[in-house]
Structure formats: structure tokens, C-alpha cells
C-alpha atoms as a PDB file:
ATOM      1  CA  MET A   1     -17.831  -9.919 -38.115  1.00  0.00           C
ATOM      2  CA  PRO A   2     -20.849  -7.563 -37.689  1.00  0.00           C
ATOM      3  CA  GLN A   3     -18.761  -5.262 -35.476  1.00  0.00           C
ATOM      4  CA  VAL A   4     -16.113  -4.981 -38.188  1.00  0.00           C
ATOM      5  CA  ASN A   5     -18.788  -3.963 -40.721  1.00  0.00           C
ATOM      6  CA  PHE A   6     -20.272  -1.482 -38.262  1.00  0.00           C
ATOM      7  CA  ASN A   7     -16.873   0.066 -37.605  1.00  0.00           C
ATOM      8  CA  TYR A   8     -16.123   0.325 -41.316  1.00  0.00           C
ATOM      9  CA  PHE A   9     -19.410   2.056 -42.122  1.00  0.00           C
ATOM     10  CA  ALA A  10     -19.217   4.286 -39.061  1.00  0.00           C
ATOM     11  CA  LEU A  11     -15.776   5.468 -40.157  1.00  0.00           C
ATOM     12  CA  HIS A  12     -17.005   5.871 -43.728  1.00  0.00           C
ATOM     13  CA  TYR A  13     -19.902   8.058 -42.563  1.00  0.00           C
ATOM     14  CA  LEU A  14     -17.547  10.071 -40.349  1.00  0.00           C
ATOM     15  CA  ASN A  15     -15.268  10.616 -43.330  1.00  0.00           C
ATOM     16  CA  LEU A  16     -18.225  11.803 -45.438  1.00  0.00           C
ATOM     17  CA  TRP A  17     -19.270  14.156 -42.668  1.00  0.00           C
ATOM     18  CA  LEU A  18     -15.796  15.624 -42.286  1.00  0.00           C
ATOM     19  CA  THR A  19     -15.048  15.967 -46.002  1.00  0.00           C
ATOM     20  CA  LYS A  20     -18.460  16.746 -47.503  1.00  0.00           C
ATOM     21  CA  ASP A  21     -21.601  17.043 -45.380  1.00  0.00           C
ATOM     22  CA  ARG A  22     -20.260  19.396 -42.735  1.00  0.00           C
ATOM     23  CA  LYS A  23     -19.417  22.186 -45.196  1.00  0.00           C
ATOM     24  CA  TRP A  24     -22.821  21.836 -46.864  1.00  0.00           C
ATOM     25  CA  CYS A  25     -24.633  21.896 -43.533  1.00  0.00           C
ATOM     26  CA  GLU A  26     -22.642  24.935 -42.424  1.00  0.00           C
ATOM     27  CA  ALA A  27     -23.610  26.721 -45.639  1.00  0.00           C
ATOM     28  CA  LEU A  28     -27.270  25.838 -45.038  1.00  0.00           C
ATOM     29  CA  GLU A  29     -26.982  27.311 -41.539  1.00  0.00           C
ATOM     30  CA  GLY A  30     -25.765  30.644 -42.908  1.00  0.00           C
ATOM     31  CA  HIS A  31     -27.650  33.632 -44.259  1.00  0.00           C
ATOM     32  CA  ASP A  32     -26.241  33.717 -47.801  1.00  0.00           C
ATOM     33  CA  GLU A  33     -28.894  32.271 -50.125  1.00  0.00           C
ATOM     34  CA  ALA A  34     -26.433  31.875 -53.006  1.00  0.00           C
ATOM     35  CA  ALA A  35     -24.109  29.813 -50.758  1.00  0.00           C
ATOM     36  CA  LYS A  36     -27.057  27.680 -49.633  1.00  0.00           C
ATOM     37  CA  LEU A  37     -28.088  26.992 -53.215  1.00  0.00           C
ATOM     38  CA  ARG A  38     -24.474  26.114 -54.118  1.00  0.00           C
ATOM     39  CA  ALA A  39     -24.368  23.710 -51.171  1.00  0.00           C
ATOM     40  CA  LEU A  40     -27.607  22.056 -52.282  1.00  0.00           C
ATOM     41  CA  THR A  41     -26.288  21.780 -55.830  1.00  0.00           C
ATOM     42  CA  GLU A  42     -23.021  20.181 -54.681  1.00  0.00           C
ATOM     43  CA  ALA A  43     -24.765  17.795 -52.281  1.00  0.00           C
ATOM     44  CA  ALA A  44     -27.468  16.802 -54.782  1.00  0.00           C
ATOM     45  CA  THR A  45     -24.774  16.091 -57.356  1.00  0.00           C
ATOM     46  CA  PHE A  46     -22.556  14.169 -54.914  1.00  0.00           C
ATOM     47  CA  TYR A  47     -25.410  12.014 -53.591  1.00  0.00           C
ATOM     48  CA  LYS A  48     -26.743  11.551 -57.126  1.00  0.00           C
ATOM     49  CA  VAL A  49     -30.196  12.978 -56.438  1.00  0.00           C
ATOM     50  CA  ALA A  50     -29.890  15.833 -58.929  1.00  0.00           C
ATOM     51  CA  ARG A  51     -31.371  13.583 -61.614  1.00  0.00           C
ATOM     52  CA  ASN A  52     -34.525  13.220 -59.492  1.00  0.00           C
ATOM     53  CA  LEU A  53     -34.895  16.994 -59.309  1.00  0.00           C
ATOM     54  CA  ARG A  54     -35.170  17.957 -62.945  1.00  0.00           C
ATOM     55  CA  LYS A  55     -34.432  21.508 -64.031  1.00  0.00           C
ATOM     56  CA  ILE A  56     -37.719  21.778 -65.897  1.00  0.00           C
ATOM     57  CA  HIS A  57     -39.542  22.090 -62.557  1.00  0.00           C
ATOM     58  CA  ASP A  58     -37.514  25.053 -61.311  1.00  0.00           C
ATOM     59  CA  VAL A  59     -35.203  26.650 -63.883  1.00  0.00           C
ATOM     60  CA  GLY A  60     -37.766  25.867 -66.590  1.00  0.00           C
ATOM     61  CA  ASN A  61     -40.302  27.908 -64.619  1.00  0.00           C
ATOM     62  CA  GLY A  62     -37.953  30.842 -63.987  1.00  0.00           C
ATOM     63  CA  ILE A  63     -37.047  29.755 -60.436  1.00  0.00           C
ATOM     64  CA  LEU A  64     -33.461  29.455 -59.157  1.00  0.00           C
ATOM     65  CA  ARG A  65     -32.189  25.879 -59.189  1.00  0.00           C
ATOM     66  CA  TYR A  66     -33.092  24.062 -55.930  1.00  0.00           C
ATOM     67  CA  LYS A  67     -34.827  27.135 -54.502  1.00  0.00           C
ATOM     68  CA  PRO A  68     -38.066  25.197 -53.851  1.00  0.00           C
ATOM     69  CA  VAL A  69     -36.097  22.532 -51.938  1.00  0.00           C
ATOM     70  CA  LEU A  70     -34.325  25.235 -49.957  1.00  0.00           C
ATOM     71  CA  ASP A  71     -37.690  26.795 -49.105  1.00  0.00           C
ATOM     72  CA  VAL A  72     -38.862  23.432 -47.733  1.00  0.00           C
ATOM     73  CA  ILE A  73     -35.824  22.664 -45.580  1.00  0.00           C
ATOM     74  CA  GLU A  74     -35.283  26.209 -44.310  1.00  0.00           C
ATOM     75  CA  VAL A  75     -38.429  26.151 -42.200  1.00  0.00           C
ATOM     76  CA  LEU A  76     -37.686  22.808 -40.530  1.00  0.00           C
ATOM     77  CA  ASP A  77     -37.610  22.628 -36.762  1.00  0.00           C
ATOM     78  CA  PRO A  78     -34.897  20.256 -35.479  1.00  0.00           C
ATOM     79  CA  ILE A  79     -37.071  19.223 -32.525  1.00  0.00           C
ATOM     80  CA  THR A  80     -39.494  17.460 -34.895  1.00  0.00           C
ATOM     81  CA  PHE A  81     -36.730  15.115 -36.048  1.00  0.00           C
ATOM     82  CA  GLN A  82     -36.369  13.230 -32.783  1.00  0.00           C
ATOM     83  CA  GLY A  83     -37.798  10.073 -31.332  1.00  0.00           C
ATOM     84  CA  MET A  84     -41.199   8.917 -32.501  1.00  0.00           C
ATOM     85  CA  GLN A  85     -41.663  11.978 -34.753  1.00  0.00           C
ATOM     86  CA  LEU A  86     -38.650  11.248 -36.954  1.00  0.00           C
ATOM     87  CA  ILE A  87     -40.272   9.063 -39.620  1.00  0.00           C
ATOM     88  CA  ALA A  88     -43.436  11.168 -39.816  1.00  0.00           C
ATOM     89  CA  SER A  89     -41.323  14.326 -40.172  1.00  0.00           C
ATOM     90  CA  ILE A  90     -39.252  12.827 -42.986  1.00  0.00           C
ATOM     91  CA  GLU A  91     -42.410  11.651 -44.748  1.00  0.00           C
ATOM     92  CA  ALA A  92     -43.888  15.148 -44.462  1.00  0.00           C
ATOM     93  CA  ILE A  93     -40.807  16.648 -46.139  1.00  0.00           C
ATOM     94  CA  ARG A  94     -40.873  13.986 -48.836  1.00  0.00           C
ATOM     95  CA  SER A  95     -44.504  14.792 -49.484  1.00  0.00           C
ATOM     96  CA  ARG A  96     -43.845  18.551 -49.732  1.00  0.00           C
ATOM     97  CA  ILE A  97     -40.940  18.107 -52.145  1.00  0.00           C
ATOM     98  CA  SER A  98     -42.876  15.531 -54.170  1.00  0.00           C
ATOM     99  CA  LYS A  99     -45.708  18.024 -54.681  1.00  0.00           C
ATOM    100  CA  TRP A 100     -43.173  20.375 -56.228  1.00  0.00           C
ATOM    101  CA  LYS A 101     -41.646  17.559 -58.288  1.00  0.00           C
ATOM    102  CA  PRO A 102     -44.677  15.542 -59.449  1.00  0.00           C
ATOM    103  CA  GLY A 103     -43.976  11.943 -60.349  1.00  0.00           C
ATOM    104  CA  ARG A 104     -40.394  12.017 -59.022  1.00  0.00           C
ATOM    105  CA  ARG A 105     -38.915   9.915 -56.249  1.00  0.00           C
ATOM    106  CA  VAL A 106     -37.245  12.322 -53.877  1.00  0.00           C
ATOM    107  CA  CYS A 107     -36.419  10.176 -50.859  1.00  0.00           C
ATOM    108  CA  ARG A 108     -32.630  10.397 -51.315  1.00  0.00           C
ATOM    109  CA  ILE A 109     -32.629  14.205 -51.215  1.00  0.00           C
ATOM    110  CA  LEU A 110     -33.863  13.980 -47.639  1.00  0.00           C
ATOM    111  CA  ARG A 111     -30.350  12.995 -46.596  1.00  0.00           C
ATOM    112  CA  LEU A 112     -29.574  16.702 -46.741  1.00  0.00           C
ATOM    113  CA  ALA A 113     -32.262  17.805 -44.310  1.00  0.00           C
ATOM    114  CA  PRO A 114     -31.451  15.488 -41.371  1.00  0.00           C
ATOM    115  CA  ASN A 115     -27.736  16.276 -41.689  1.00  0.00           C
ATOM    116  CA  ARG A 116     -28.553  19.967 -41.511  1.00  0.00           C
ATOM    117  CA  LEU A 117     -30.658  19.334 -38.440  1.00  0.00           C
ATOM    118  CA  ASN A 118     -27.950  17.315 -36.684  1.00  0.00           C
ATOM    119  CA  THR A 119     -25.719  20.391 -36.534  1.00  0.00           C
ATOM    120  CA  HIS A 120     -27.886  22.096 -33.874  1.00  0.00           C
END
């Protein structure tokens, strides 16, 4: 029975990668900032993390929507997301985004960063 569950969820994740995540990660790899921000908007909406990243903290301050998140994930080095460094690296990103979004739980948004890093 556990193998059946594993297979189901592995195929489900593959389907998400092929139909959703891959195009967002490819946009984040590009040089077009508008395309990157659109990808973040689509992904945040799809994974239901947009509600944790309220507009008052960016648009309300005259900043493009999700630009602070983009600034955080654009400087990430894929090598720091391997082995024993993985959890510490994710916590560091969570901490940086949380400083920008005080009082908000931002753990789910981190799904975007590791997917972007897995494309290297």
C-alpha cells in the first residue's frame, strides 16, 4: 500500500511540474522582470500563498507586487540548497521574506524557490 501512495503522489508532483511549475521556473530563469513577476503572481495564486503576502506591504508602499520576494529569490545560489545546508537555507529565505512581511507566515511561498533551483 505505501508504494501505491508514493507512486500516486510522485505522478501528481510530476504532473504539477509539467503543467505549472516548469513554466514559472523558466520565467524566473529569464531576464524579463515583468515575466518573473507574472510567474510569481500565478504561482502564489495557484499555491494559495498570495493571501500571506498582502498587497499593503508592497503595492501599498509603491512597490511592484511581489518585487521584494523576487529580490530575495533572485540572489539564491543553488549550491546552498543541497545536503545538510538545505533546511538552514530555506529557513534563511523564510526569515528574509518574513522581515519584509511582518507577522505573516510565509513558509508555503518557499515552494517557489526550491523549484527554481532544481532547474539548474
